[in-house]
Every structure is written in C-alpha cells, then in structure tokens.
C-alpha cells in the first residue's frame, strides 16, 4: 500500500492536471491507505 500510494502521489498525480475526478480518487485512496497504516501499526506493536 505504501509503495503504490507513493507511486500515485509522486508519479501519477502530477500527470493528471485538469482531471479533477481522477485526482480526487487518488487522493482519497492515499488518505484511506494512511488511515489503515495508522490502525495497523499500533496493533502490530501491541500484539
């Protein structure tokens, strides 16, 4: 998730200038990915 989201942010988003729908979708996926990371990492540490 981290690698794909990083690729989306660094490589794909800059090429989507003017395409607001795809840009919003990628940003939403990146935000959801970060949320999942924030939930999973504490669980792994605590378990």
ModelCIF file with pLDDT and N, C-alpha, C, O atoms, coordinates in Angstrom:
data_MODEL
#
_entry.id   MODEL 
#
_entity.id                         1 
_entity.type                       polymer 
_entity.pdbx_number_of_molecules   1 
#
_entity_poly.entity_id                      1 
_entity_poly.type                           'polypeptide(L)' 
_entity_poly.nstd_linkage                   no 
_entity_poly.nstd_monomer                   no 
_entity_poly.pdbx_seq_one_letter_code       
;(UNK)(UNK)(UNK)(UNK)(UNK)(UNK)(UNK)(UNK)(UNK)(UNK)(UNK)(UNK)(UNK)(UNK)(UNK)(UNK)
(UNK)(UNK)(UNK)(UNK)(UNK)(UNK)(UNK)(UNK)(UNK)(UNK)(UNK)(UNK)(UNK)(UNK)(UNK)(UNK)
(UNK)(UNK)(UNK)(UNK)(UNK)(UNK)(UNK)(UNK)(UNK)(UNK)(UNK)(UNK)(UNK)(UNK)(UNK)
;
_entity_poly.pdbx_seq_one_letter_code_can   XXXXXXXXXXXXXXXXXXXXXXXXXXXXXXXXXXXXXXXXXXXXXXX 
_entity_poly.pdbx_strand_id                 A 
#
loop_
_entity_poly_seq.entity_id 
_entity_poly_seq.num 
_entity_poly_seq.mon_id 
_entity_poly_seq.hetero 
1 1  UNK n 
1 2  UNK n 
1 3  UNK n 
1 4  UNK n 
1 5  UNK n 
1 6  UNK n 
1 7  UNK n 
1 8  UNK n 
1 9  UNK n 
1 10 UNK n 
1 11 UNK n 
1 12 UNK n 
1 13 UNK n 
1 14 UNK n 
1 15 UNK n 
1 16 UNK n 
1 17 UNK n 
1 18 UNK n 
1 19 UNK n 
1 20 UNK n 
1 21 UNK n 
1 22 UNK n 
1 23 UNK n 
1 24 UNK n 
1 25 UNK n 
1 26 UNK n 
1 27 UNK n 
1 28 UNK n 
1 29 UNK n 
1 30 UNK n 
1 31 UNK n 
1 32 UNK n 
1 33 UNK n 
1 34 UNK n 
1 35 UNK n 
1 36 UNK n 
1 37 UNK n 
1 38 UNK n 
1 39 UNK n 
1 40 UNK n 
1 41 UNK n 
1 42 UNK n 
1 43 UNK n 
1 44 UNK n 
1 45 UNK n 
1 46 UNK n 
1 47 UNK n 
#
_struct_asym.id          A 
_struct_asym.entity_id   1 
#
loop_
_ma_qa_metric.id 
_ma_qa_metric.mode 
_ma_qa_metric.name 
_ma_qa_metric.software_group_id 
_ma_qa_metric.type 
1 global pLDDT . pLDDT 
2 local  pLDDT . pLDDT 
#
_ma_qa_metric_global.metric_id      1 
_ma_qa_metric_global.metric_value   69.04 
_ma_qa_metric_global.model_id       1 
_ma_qa_metric_global.ordinal_id     1 
#
loop_
_ma_qa_metric_local.label_asym_id 
_ma_qa_metric_local.label_comp_id 
_ma_qa_metric_local.label_seq_id 
_ma_qa_metric_local.metric_id 
_ma_qa_metric_local.metric_value 
_ma_qa_metric_local.model_id 
_ma_qa_metric_local.ordinal_id 
A UNK 1  2 72.00 1 1  
A UNK 2  2 71.00 1 2  
A UNK 3  2 74.00 1 3  
A UNK 4  2 71.00 1 4  
A UNK 5  2 68.00 1 5  
A UNK 6  2 67.00 1 6  
A UNK 7  2 67.00 1 7  
A UNK 8  2 62.00 1 8  
A UNK 9  2 63.00 1 9  
A UNK 10 2 65.00 1 10 
A UNK 11 2 62.00 1 11 
A UNK 12 2 59.00 1 12 
A UNK 13 2 58.00 1 13 
A UNK 14 2 59.00 1 14 
A UNK 15 2 62.00 1 15 
A UNK 16 2 57.00 1 16 
A UNK 17 2 56.00 1 17 
A UNK 18 2 57.00 1 18 
A UNK 19 2 60.00 1 19 
A UNK 20 2 68.00 1 20 
A UNK 21 2 64.00 1 21 
A UNK 22 2 62.00 1 22 
A UNK 23 2 62.00 1 23 
A UNK 24 2 68.00 1 24 
A UNK 25 2 63.00 1 25 
A UNK 26 2 64.00 1 26 
A UNK 27 2 66.00 1 27 
A UNK 28 2 67.00 1 28 
A UNK 29 2 65.00 1 29 
A UNK 30 2 68.00 1 30 
A UNK 31 2 72.00 1 31 
A UNK 32 2 70.00 1 32 
A UNK 33 2 70.00 1 33 
A UNK 34 2 74.00 1 34 
A UNK 35 2 74.00 1 35 
A UNK 36 2 73.00 1 36 
A UNK 37 2 76.00 1 37 
A UNK 38 2 79.00 1 38 
A UNK 39 2 77.00 1 39 
A UNK 40 2 77.00 1 40 
A UNK 41 2 81.00 1 41 
A UNK 42 2 83.00 1 42 
A UNK 43 2 80.00 1 43 
A UNK 44 2 81.00 1 44 
A UNK 45 2 85.00 1 45 
A UNK 46 2 85.00 1 46 
A UNK 47 2 81.00 1 47 
#
loop_
_atom_site.group_PDB 
_atom_site.id 
_atom_site.type_symbol 
_atom_site.label_atom_id 
_atom_site.label_alt_id 
_atom_site.label_comp_id 
_atom_site.label_asym_id 
_atom_site.label_entity_id 
_atom_site.label_seq_id 
_atom_site.pdbx_PDB_ins_code 
_atom_site.Cartn_x 
_atom_site.Cartn_y 
_atom_site.Cartn_z 
_atom_site.occupancy 
_atom_site.B_iso_or_equiv 
_atom_site.pdbx_formal_charge 
_atom_site.auth_seq_id 
_atom_site.auth_comp_id 
_atom_site.auth_asym_id 
_atom_site.auth_atom_id 
_atom_site.pdbx_PDB_model_num 
ATOM 1   N N  . UNK A 1 1  ? 0.827   -1.199 0.000   1.00 72.00 ? 1  UNK A N  1 
ATOM 2   C CA . UNK A 1 1  ? 0.000   0.000  0.000   1.00 72.00 ? 1  UNK A CA 1 
ATOM 3   C C  . UNK A 1 1  ? 0.861   1.248  0.000   1.00 72.00 ? 1  UNK A C  1 
ATOM 4   O O  . UNK A 1 1  ? 0.600   2.194  -0.743  1.00 72.00 ? 1  UNK A O  1 
ATOM 5   N N  . UNK A 1 2  ? 1.895   1.247  0.840   1.00 71.00 ? 2  UNK A N  1 
ATOM 6   C CA . UNK A 1 2  ? 2.764   2.419  0.938   1.00 71.00 ? 2  UNK A CA 1 
ATOM 7   C C  . UNK A 1 2  ? 3.477   2.680  -0.387  1.00 71.00 ? 2  UNK A C  1 
ATOM 8   O O  . UNK A 1 2  ? 3.543   3.822  -0.843  1.00 71.00 ? 2  UNK A O  1 
ATOM 9   N N  . UNK A 1 3  ? 4.012   1.623  -1.007  1.00 74.00 ? 3  UNK A N  1 
ATOM 10  C CA . UNK A 1 3  ? 4.749   1.793  -2.257  1.00 74.00 ? 3  UNK A CA 1 
ATOM 11  C C  . UNK A 1 3  ? 3.837   2.258  -3.386  1.00 74.00 ? 3  UNK A C  1 
ATOM 12  O O  . UNK A 1 3  ? 4.202   3.141  -4.162  1.00 74.00 ? 3  UNK A O  1 
ATOM 13  N N  . UNK A 1 4  ? 2.634   1.654  -3.477  1.00 71.00 ? 4  UNK A N  1 
ATOM 14  C CA . UNK A 1 4  ? 1.708   2.045  -4.547  1.00 71.00 ? 4  UNK A CA 1 
ATOM 15  C C  . UNK A 1 4  ? 1.210   3.466  -4.322  1.00 71.00 ? 4  UNK A C  1 
ATOM 16  O O  . UNK A 1 4  ? 1.139   4.251  -5.269  1.00 71.00 ? 4  UNK A O  1 
ATOM 17  N N  . UNK A 1 5  ? 0.861   3.812  -3.076  1.00 68.00 ? 5  UNK A N  1 
ATOM 18  C CA . UNK A 1 5  ? 0.398   5.174  -2.782  1.00 68.00 ? 5  UNK A CA 1 
ATOM 19  C C  . UNK A 1 5  ? 1.493   6.191  -3.071  1.00 68.00 ? 5  UNK A C  1 
ATOM 20  O O  . UNK A 1 5  ? 1.221   7.267  -3.603  1.00 68.00 ? 5  UNK A O  1 
ATOM 21  N N  . UNK A 1 6  ? 2.725   5.856  -2.723  1.00 67.00 ? 6  UNK A N  1 
ATOM 22  C CA . UNK A 1 6  ? 3.847   6.750  -3.008  1.00 67.00 ? 6  UNK A CA 1 
ATOM 23  C C  . UNK A 1 6  ? 4.017   6.951  -4.511  1.00 67.00 ? 6  UNK A C  1 
ATOM 24  O O  . UNK A 1 6  ? 4.288   8.061  -4.970  1.00 67.00 ? 6  UNK A O  1 
ATOM 25  N N  . UNK A 1 7  ? 3.855   5.861  -5.278  1.00 67.00 ? 7  UNK A N  1 
ATOM 26  C CA . UNK A 1 7  ? 3.944   5.954  -6.742  1.00 67.00 ? 7  UNK A CA 1 
ATOM 27  C C  . UNK A 1 7  ? 2.826   6.839  -7.285  1.00 67.00 ? 7  UNK A C  1 
ATOM 28  O O  . UNK A 1 7  ? 3.053   7.652  -8.181  1.00 67.00 ? 7  UNK A O  1 
ATOM 29  N N  . UNK A 1 8  ? 1.612   6.678  -6.737  1.00 62.00 ? 8  UNK A N  1 
ATOM 30  C CA . UNK A 1 8  ? 0.494   7.506  -7.180  1.00 62.00 ? 8  UNK A CA 1 
ATOM 31  C C  . UNK A 1 8  ? 0.758   8.983  -6.932  1.00 62.00 ? 8  UNK A C  1 
ATOM 32  O O  . UNK A 1 8  ? 0.514   9.827  -7.794  1.00 62.00 ? 8  UNK A O  1 
ATOM 33  N N  . UNK A 1 9  ? 1.265   9.282  -5.731  1.00 63.00 ? 9  UNK A N  1 
ATOM 34  C CA . UNK A 1 9  ? 1.464   10.684 -5.357  1.00 63.00 ? 9  UNK A CA 1 
ATOM 35  C C  . UNK A 1 9  ? 2.607   11.324 -6.153  1.00 63.00 ? 9  UNK A C  1 
ATOM 36  O O  . UNK A 1 9  ? 2.495   12.459 -6.616  1.00 63.00 ? 9  UNK A O  1 
ATOM 37  N N  . UNK A 1 10 ? 3.705   10.580 -6.303  1.00 65.00 ? 10 UNK A N  1 
ATOM 38  C CA . UNK A 1 10 ? 4.908   11.154 -6.930  1.00 65.00 ? 10 UNK A CA 1 
ATOM 39  C C  . UNK A 1 10 ? 4.897   11.090 -8.450  1.00 65.00 ? 10 UNK A C  1 
ATOM 40  O O  . UNK A 1 10 ? 5.452   11.969 -9.108  1.00 65.00 ? 10 UNK A O  1 
ATOM 41  N N  . UNK A 1 11 ? 4.262   10.043 -9.026  1.00 62.00 ? 11 UNK A N  1 
ATOM 42  C CA . UNK A 1 11 ? 4.372   9.849  -10.472 1.00 62.00 ? 11 UNK A CA 1 
ATOM 43  C C  . UNK A 1 11 ? 3.072   10.090 -11.230 1.00 62.00 ? 11 UNK A C  1 
ATOM 44  O O  . UNK A 1 11 ? 3.089   10.637 -12.332 1.00 62.00 ? 11 UNK A O  1 
ATOM 45  N N  . UNK A 1 12 ? 1.936   9.680  -10.642 1.00 59.00 ? 12 UNK A N  1 
ATOM 46  C CA . UNK A 1 12 ? 0.675   9.740  -11.388 1.00 59.00 ? 12 UNK A CA 1 
ATOM 47  C C  . UNK A 1 12 ? -0.050  11.065 -11.189 1.00 59.00 ? 12 UNK A C  1 
ATOM 48  O O  . UNK A 1 12 ? -0.517  11.668 -12.155 1.00 59.00 ? 12 UNK A O  1 
ATOM 49  N N  . UNK A 1 13 ? -0.146  11.525 -9.930  1.00 58.00 ? 13 UNK A N  1 
ATOM 50  C CA . UNK A 1 13 ? -0.884  12.771 -9.671  1.00 58.00 ? 13 UNK A CA 1 
ATOM 51  C C  . UNK A 1 13 ? -0.365  13.961 -10.483 1.00 58.00 ? 13 UNK A C  1 
ATOM 52  O O  . UNK A 1 13 ? -1.178  14.724 -11.006 1.00 58.00 ? 13 UNK A O  1 
ATOM 53  N N  . UNK A 1 14 ? 0.956   14.153 -10.612 1.00 59.00 ? 14 UNK A N  1 
ATOM 54  C CA . UNK A 1 14 ? 1.424   15.302 -11.411 1.00 59.00 ? 14 UNK A CA 1 
ATOM 55  C C  . UNK A 1 14 ? 0.993   15.260 -12.868 1.00 59.00 ? 14 UNK A C  1 
ATOM 56  O O  . UNK A 1 14 ? 0.958   16.300 -13.526 1.00 59.00 ? 14 UNK A O  1 
ATOM 57  N N  . UNK A 1 15 ? 0.660   14.071 -13.393 1.00 62.00 ? 15 UNK A N  1 
ATOM 58  C CA . UNK A 1 15 ? 0.262   13.969 -14.802 1.00 62.00 ? 15 UNK A CA 1 
ATOM 59  C C  . UNK A 1 15 ? -1.234  14.173 -15.006 1.00 62.00 ? 15 UNK A C  1 
ATOM 60  O O  . UNK A 1 15 ? -1.705  14.217 -16.143 1.00 62.00 ? 15 UNK A O  1 
ATOM 61  N N  . UNK A 1 16 ? -1.988  14.298 -13.907 1.00 57.00 ? 16 UNK A N  1 
ATOM 62  C CA . UNK A 1 16 ? -3.451  14.407 -14.009 1.00 57.00 ? 16 UNK A CA 1 
ATOM 63  C C  . UNK A 1 16 ? -3.925  15.840 -13.852 1.00 57.00 ? 16 UNK A C  1 
ATOM 64  O O  . UNK A 1 16 ? -4.993  16.076 -13.287 1.00 57.00 ? 16 UNK A O  1 
ATOM 65  N N  . UNK A 1 17 ? -3.167  16.787 -14.333 1.00 56.00 ? 17 UNK A N  1 
ATOM 66  C CA . UNK A 1 17 ? -3.558  18.192 -14.249 1.00 56.00 ? 17 UNK A CA 1 
ATOM 67  C C  . UNK A 1 17 ? -4.813  18.420 -15.082 1.00 56.00 ? 17 UNK A C  1 
ATOM 68  O O  . UNK A 1 17 ? -4.827  18.148 -16.283 1.00 56.00 ? 17 UNK A O  1 
ATOM 69  N N  . UNK A 1 18 ? -5.862  18.918 -14.442 1.00 57.00 ? 18 UNK A N  1 
ATOM 70  C CA . UNK A 1 18 ? -7.115  19.167 -15.126 1.00 57.00 ? 18 UNK A CA 1 
ATOM 71  C C  . UNK A 1 18 ? -8.138  18.065 -14.972 1.00 57.00 ? 18 UNK A C  1 
ATOM 72  O O  . UNK A 1 18 ? -9.328  18.305 -15.177 1.00 57.00 ? 18 UNK A O  1 
ATOM 73  N N  . UNK A 1 19 ? -7.710  16.854 -14.615 1.00 60.00 ? 19 UNK A N  1 
ATOM 74  C CA . UNK A 1 19 ? -8.639  15.739 -14.410 1.00 60.00 ? 19 UNK A CA 1 
ATOM 75  C C  . UNK A 1 19 ? -8.947  15.651 -12.918 1.00 60.00 ? 19 UNK A C  1 
ATOM 76  O O  . UNK A 1 19 ? -8.328  14.882 -12.183 1.00 60.00 ? 19 UNK A O  1 
ATOM 77  N N  . UNK A 1 20 ? -9.923  16.463 -12.486 1.00 68.00 ? 20 UNK A N  1 
ATOM 78  C CA . UNK A 1 20 ? -10.204 16.576 -11.055 1.00 68.00 ? 20 UNK A CA 1 
ATOM 79  C C  . UNK A 1 20 ? -10.794 15.287 -10.476 1.00 68.00 ? 20 UNK A C  1 
ATOM 80  O O  . UNK A 1 20 ? -10.551 14.977 -9.309  1.00 68.00 ? 20 UNK A O  1 
ATOM 81  N N  . UNK A 1 21 ? -11.559 14.536 -11.263 1.00 64.00 ? 21 UNK A N  1 
ATOM 82  C CA . UNK A 1 21 ? -12.198 13.327 -10.746 1.00 64.00 ? 21 UNK A CA 1 
ATOM 83  C C  . UNK A 1 21 ? -11.161 12.265 -10.380 1.00 64.00 ? 21 UNK A C  1 
ATOM 84  O O  . UNK A 1 21 ? -11.219 11.684 -9.296  1.00 64.00 ? 21 UNK A O  1 
ATOM 85  N N  . UNK A 1 22 ? -10.214 12.012 -11.287 1.00 62.00 ? 22 UNK A N  1 
ATOM 86  C CA . UNK A 1 22 ? -9.177  11.012 -11.008 1.00 62.00 ? 22 UNK A CA 1 
ATOM 87  C C  . UNK A 1 22 ? -8.233  11.493 -9.909  1.00 62.00 ? 22 UNK A C  1 
ATOM 88  O O  . UNK A 1 22 ? -7.767  10.702 -9.088  1.00 62.00 ? 22 UNK A O  1 
ATOM 89  N N  . UNK A 1 23 ? -7.958  12.793 -9.902  1.00 62.00 ? 23 UNK A N  1 
ATOM 90  C CA . UNK A 1 23 ? -7.096  13.341 -8.850  1.00 62.00 ? 23 UNK A CA 1 
ATOM 91  C C  . UNK A 1 23 ? -7.726  13.163 -7.480  1.00 62.00 ? 23 UNK A C  1 
ATOM 92  O O  . UNK A 1 23 ? -7.053  12.769 -6.527  1.00 62.00 ? 23 UNK A O  1 
ATOM 93  N N  . UNK A 1 24 ? -9.033  13.457 -7.378  1.00 68.00 ? 24 UNK A N  1 
ATOM 94  C CA . UNK A 1 24 ? -9.741  13.293 -6.100  1.00 68.00 ? 24 UNK A CA 1 
ATOM 95  C C  . UNK A 1 24 ? -9.766  11.830 -5.677  1.00 68.00 ? 24 UNK A C  1 
ATOM 96  O O  . UNK A 1 24 ? -9.618  11.527 -4.493  1.00 68.00 ? 24 UNK A O  1 
ATOM 97  N N  . UNK A 1 25 ? -9.952  10.917 -6.631  1.00 63.00 ? 25 UNK A N  1 
ATOM 98  C CA . UNK A 1 25 ? -9.990  9.483  -6.310  1.00 63.00 ? 25 UNK A CA 1 
ATOM 99  C C  . UNK A 1 25 ? -8.638  9.002  -5.783  1.00 63.00 ? 25 UNK A C  1 
ATOM 100 O O  . UNK A 1 25 ? -8.580  8.246  -4.813  1.00 63.00 ? 25 UNK A O  1 
ATOM 101 N N  . UNK A 1 26 ? -7.562  9.438  -6.416  1.00 64.00 ? 26 UNK A N  1 
ATOM 102 C CA . UNK A 1 26 ? -6.233  9.035  -5.961  1.00 64.00 ? 26 UNK A CA 1 
ATOM 103 C C  . UNK A 1 26 ? -5.926  9.603  -4.582  1.00 64.00 ? 26 UNK A C  1 
ATOM 104 O O  . UNK A 1 26 ? -5.355  8.916  -3.736  1.00 64.00 ? 26 UNK A O  1 
ATOM 105 N N  . UNK A 1 27 ? -6.303  10.852 -4.357  1.00 66.00 ? 27 UNK A N  1 
ATOM 106 C CA . UNK A 1 27 ? -6.075  11.450 -3.039  1.00 66.00 ? 27 UNK A CA 1 
ATOM 107 C C  . UNK A 1 27 ? -6.876  10.738 -1.960  1.00 66.00 ? 27 UNK A C  1 
ATOM 108 O O  . UNK A 1 27 ? -6.390  10.538 -0.846  1.00 66.00 ? 27 UNK A O  1 
ATOM 109 N N  . UNK A 1 28 ? -8.121  10.350 -2.297  1.00 67.00 ? 28 UNK A N  1 
ATOM 110 C CA . UNK A 1 28 ? -8.955  9.637  -1.336  1.00 67.00 ? 28 UNK A CA 1 
ATOM 111 C C  . UNK A 1 28 ? -8.351  8.277  -1.007  1.00 67.00 ? 28 UNK A C  1 
ATOM 112 O O  . UNK A 1 28 ? -8.339  7.875  0.157   1.00 67.00 ? 28 UNK A O  1 
ATOM 113 N N  . UNK A 1 29 ? -7.847  7.559  -2.020  1.00 65.00 ? 29 UNK A N  1 
ATOM 114 C CA . UNK A 1 29 ? -7.207  6.270  -1.778  1.00 65.00 ? 29 UNK A CA 1 
ATOM 115 C C  . UNK A 1 29 ? -5.949  6.411  -0.934  1.00 65.00 ? 29 UNK A C  1 
ATOM 116 O O  . UNK A 1 29 ? -5.671  5.578  -0.071  1.00 65.00 ? 29 UNK A O  1 
ATOM 117 N N  . UNK A 1 30 ? -5.192  7.475  -1.191  1.00 68.00 ? 30 UNK A N  1 
ATOM 118 C CA . UNK A 1 30 ? -3.972  7.702  -0.409  1.00 68.00 ? 30 UNK A CA 1 
ATOM 119 C C  . UNK A 1 30 ? -4.307  8.008  1.046   1.00 68.00 ? 30 UNK A C  1 
ATOM 120 O O  . UNK A 1 30 ? -3.617  7.553  1.958   1.00 68.00 ? 30 UNK A O  1 
ATOM 121 N N  . UNK A 1 31 ? -5.368  8.780  1.258   1.00 72.00 ? 31 UNK A N  1 
ATOM 122 C CA . UNK A 1 31 ? -5.795  9.104  2.619   1.00 72.00 ? 31 UNK A CA 1 
ATOM 123 C C  . UNK A 1 31 ? -6.279  7.848  3.346   1.00 72.00 ? 31 UNK A C  1 
ATOM 124 O O  . UNK A 1 31 ? -5.961  7.642  4.517   1.00 72.00 ? 31 UNK A O  1 
ATOM 125 N N  . UNK A 1 32 ? -7.054  7.005  2.642   1.00 70.00 ? 32 UNK A N  1 
ATOM 126 C CA . UNK A 1 32 ? -7.541  5.761  3.250   1.00 70.00 ? 32 UNK A CA 1 
ATOM 127 C C  . UNK A 1 32 ? -6.380  4.824  3.566   1.00 70.00 ? 32 UNK A C  1 
ATOM 128 O O  . UNK A 1 32 ? -6.403  4.115  4.573   1.00 70.00 ? 32 UNK A O  1 
ATOM 129 N N  . UNK A 1 33 ? -5.362  4.822  2.700   1.00 70.00 ? 33 UNK A N  1 
ATOM 130 C CA . UNK A 1 33 ? -4.183  3.990  2.939   1.00 70.00 ? 33 UNK A CA 1 
ATOM 131 C C  . UNK A 1 33 ? -3.450  4.431  4.197   1.00 70.00 ? 33 UNK A C  1 
ATOM 132 O O  . UNK A 1 33 ? -3.039  3.600  5.008   1.00 70.00 ? 33 UNK A O  1 
ATOM 133 N N  . UNK A 1 34 ? -3.287  5.735  4.357   1.00 74.00 ? 34 UNK A N  1 
ATOM 134 C CA . UNK A 1 34 ? -2.613  6.250  5.542   1.00 74.00 ? 34 UNK A CA 1 
ATOM 135 C C  . UNK A 1 34 ? -3.401  5.931  6.809   1.00 74.00 ? 34 UNK A C  1 
ATOM 136 O O  . UNK A 1 34 ? -2.816  5.620  7.846   1.00 74.00 ? 34 UNK A O  1 
ATOM 137 N N  . UNK A 1 35 ? -4.725  6.007  6.724   1.00 74.00 ? 35 UNK A N  1 
ATOM 138 C CA . UNK A 1 35 ? -5.569  5.649  7.875   1.00 74.00 ? 35 UNK A CA 1 
ATOM 139 C C  . UNK A 1 35 ? -5.396  4.187  8.251   1.00 74.00 ? 35 UNK A C  1 
ATOM 140 O O  . UNK A 1 35 ? -5.289  3.851  9.430   1.00 74.00 ? 35 UNK A O  1 
ATOM 141 N N  . UNK A 1 36 ? -5.371  3.312  7.238   1.00 73.00 ? 36 UNK A N  1 
ATOM 142 C CA . UNK A 1 36 ? -5.162  1.887  7.502   1.00 73.00 ? 36 UNK A CA 1 
ATOM 143 C C  . UNK A 1 36 ? -3.805  1.640  8.149   1.00 73.00 ? 36 UNK A C  1 
ATOM 144 O O  . UNK A 1 36 ? -3.683  0.818  9.057   1.00 73.00 ? 36 UNK A O  1 
ATOM 145 N N  . UNK A 1 37 ? -2.785  2.358  7.674   1.00 76.00 ? 37 UNK A N  1 
ATOM 146 C CA . UNK A 1 37 ? -1.455  2.237  8.277   1.00 76.00 ? 37 UNK A CA 1 
ATOM 147 C C  . UNK A 1 37 ? -1.484  2.656  9.742   1.00 76.00 ? 37 UNK A C  1 
ATOM 148 O O  . UNK A 1 37 ? -0.894  1.996  10.597  1.00 76.00 ? 37 UNK A O  1 
ATOM 149 N N  . UNK A 1 38 ? -2.176  3.757  10.026  1.00 79.00 ? 38 UNK A N  1 
ATOM 150 C CA . UNK A 1 38 ? -2.246  4.263  11.404  1.00 79.00 ? 38 UNK A CA 1 
ATOM 151 C C  . UNK A 1 38 ? -2.969  3.288  12.327  1.00 79.00 ? 38 UNK A C  1 
ATOM 152 O O  . UNK A 1 38 ? -2.698  3.260  13.528  1.00 79.00 ? 38 UNK A O  1 
ATOM 153 N N  . UNK A 1 39 ? -3.889  2.485  11.781  1.00 77.00 ? 39 UNK A N  1 
ATOM 154 C CA . UNK A 1 39 ? -4.591  1.492  12.592  1.00 77.00 ? 39 UNK A CA 1 
ATOM 155 C C  . UNK A 1 39 ? -3.757  0.221  12.747  1.00 77.00 ? 39 UNK A C  1 
ATOM 156 O O  . UNK A 1 39 ? -3.711  -0.373 13.825  1.00 77.00 ? 39 UNK A O  1 
ATOM 157 N N  . UNK A 1 40 ? -3.101  -0.190 11.663  1.00 77.00 ? 40 UNK A N  1 
ATOM 158 C CA . UNK A 1 40 ? -2.394  -1.478 11.664  1.00 77.00 ? 40 UNK A CA 1 
ATOM 159 C C  . UNK A 1 40 ? -1.103  -1.442 12.470  1.00 77.00 ? 40 UNK A C  1 
ATOM 160 O O  . UNK A 1 40 ? -0.802  -2.392 13.193  1.00 77.00 ? 40 UNK A O  1 
ATOM 161 N N  . UNK A 1 41 ? -0.336  -0.361 12.357  1.00 81.00 ? 41 UNK A N  1 
ATOM 162 C CA . UNK A 1 41 ? 0.976   -0.320 13.020  1.00 81.00 ? 41 UNK A CA 1 
ATOM 163 C C  . UNK A 1 41 ? 0.858   -0.426 14.545  1.00 81.00 ? 41 UNK A C  1 
ATOM 164 O O  . UNK A 1 41 ? 1.586   -1.221 15.140  1.00 81.00 ? 41 UNK A O  1 
ATOM 165 N N  . UNK A 1 42 ? -0.032  0.344  15.212  1.00 83.00 ? 42 UNK A N  1 
ATOM 166 C CA . UNK A 1 42 ? -0.169  0.167  16.668  1.00 83.00 ? 42 UNK A CA 1 
ATOM 167 C C  . UNK A 1 42 ? -0.612  -1.241 17.052  1.00 83.00 ? 42 UNK A C  1 
ATOM 168 O O  . UNK A 1 42 ? -0.170  -1.779 18.067  1.00 83.00 ? 42 UNK A O  1 
ATOM 169 N N  . UNK A 1 43 ? -1.490  -1.841 16.237  1.00 80.00 ? 43 UNK A N  1 
ATOM 170 C CA . UNK A 1 43 ? -1.927  -3.205 16.567  1.00 80.00 ? 43 UNK A CA 1 
ATOM 171 C C  . UNK A 1 43 ? -0.751  -4.179 16.511  1.00 80.00 ? 43 UNK A C  1 
ATOM 172 O O  . UNK A 1 43 ? -0.600  -5.021 17.397  1.00 80.00 ? 43 UNK A O  1 
ATOM 173 N N  . UNK A 1 44 ? 0.073   -4.070 15.485  1.00 81.00 ? 44 UNK A N  1 
ATOM 174 C CA . UNK A 1 44 ? 1.223   -4.970 15.358  1.00 81.00 ? 44 UNK A CA 1 
ATOM 175 C C  . UNK A 1 44 ? 2.177   -4.788 16.536  1.00 81.00 ? 44 UNK A C  1 
ATOM 176 O O  . UNK A 1 44 ? 2.699   -5.764 17.075  1.00 81.00 ? 44 UNK A O  1 
ATOM 177 N N  . UNK A 1 45 ? 2.401   -3.540 16.932  1.00 85.00 ? 45 UNK A N  1 
ATOM 178 C CA . UNK A 1 45 ? 3.300   -3.269 18.057  1.00 85.00 ? 45 UNK A CA 1 
ATOM 179 C C  . UNK A 1 45 ? 2.726   -3.832 19.356  1.00 85.00 ? 45 UNK A C  1 
ATOM 180 O O  . UNK A 1 45 ? 3.449   -4.420 20.159  1.00 85.00 ? 45 UNK A O  1 
ATOM 181 N N  . UNK A 1 46 ? 1.413   -3.647 19.555  1.00 85.00 ? 46 UNK A N  1 
ATOM 182 C CA . UNK A 1 46 ? 0.788   -4.086 20.812  1.00 85.00 ? 46 UNK A CA 1 
ATOM 183 C C  . UNK A 1 46 ? 0.581   -5.602 20.872  1.00 85.00 ? 46 UNK A C  1 
ATOM 184 O O  . UNK A 1 46 ? 0.560   -6.177 21.960  1.00 85.00 ? 46 UNK A O  1 
ATOM 185 N N  . UNK A 1 47 ? 0.428   -6.256 19.714  1.00 81.00 ? 47 UNK A N  1 
ATOM 186 C CA . UNK A 1 47 ? 0.162   -7.697 19.714  1.00 81.00 ? 47 UNK A CA 1 
ATOM 187 C C  . UNK A 1 47 ? 1.434   -8.534 19.708  1.00 81.00 ? 47 UNK A C  1 
ATOM 188 O O  . UNK A 1 47 ? 1.363   -9.763 19.708  1.00 81.00 ? 47 UNK A O  1 
#
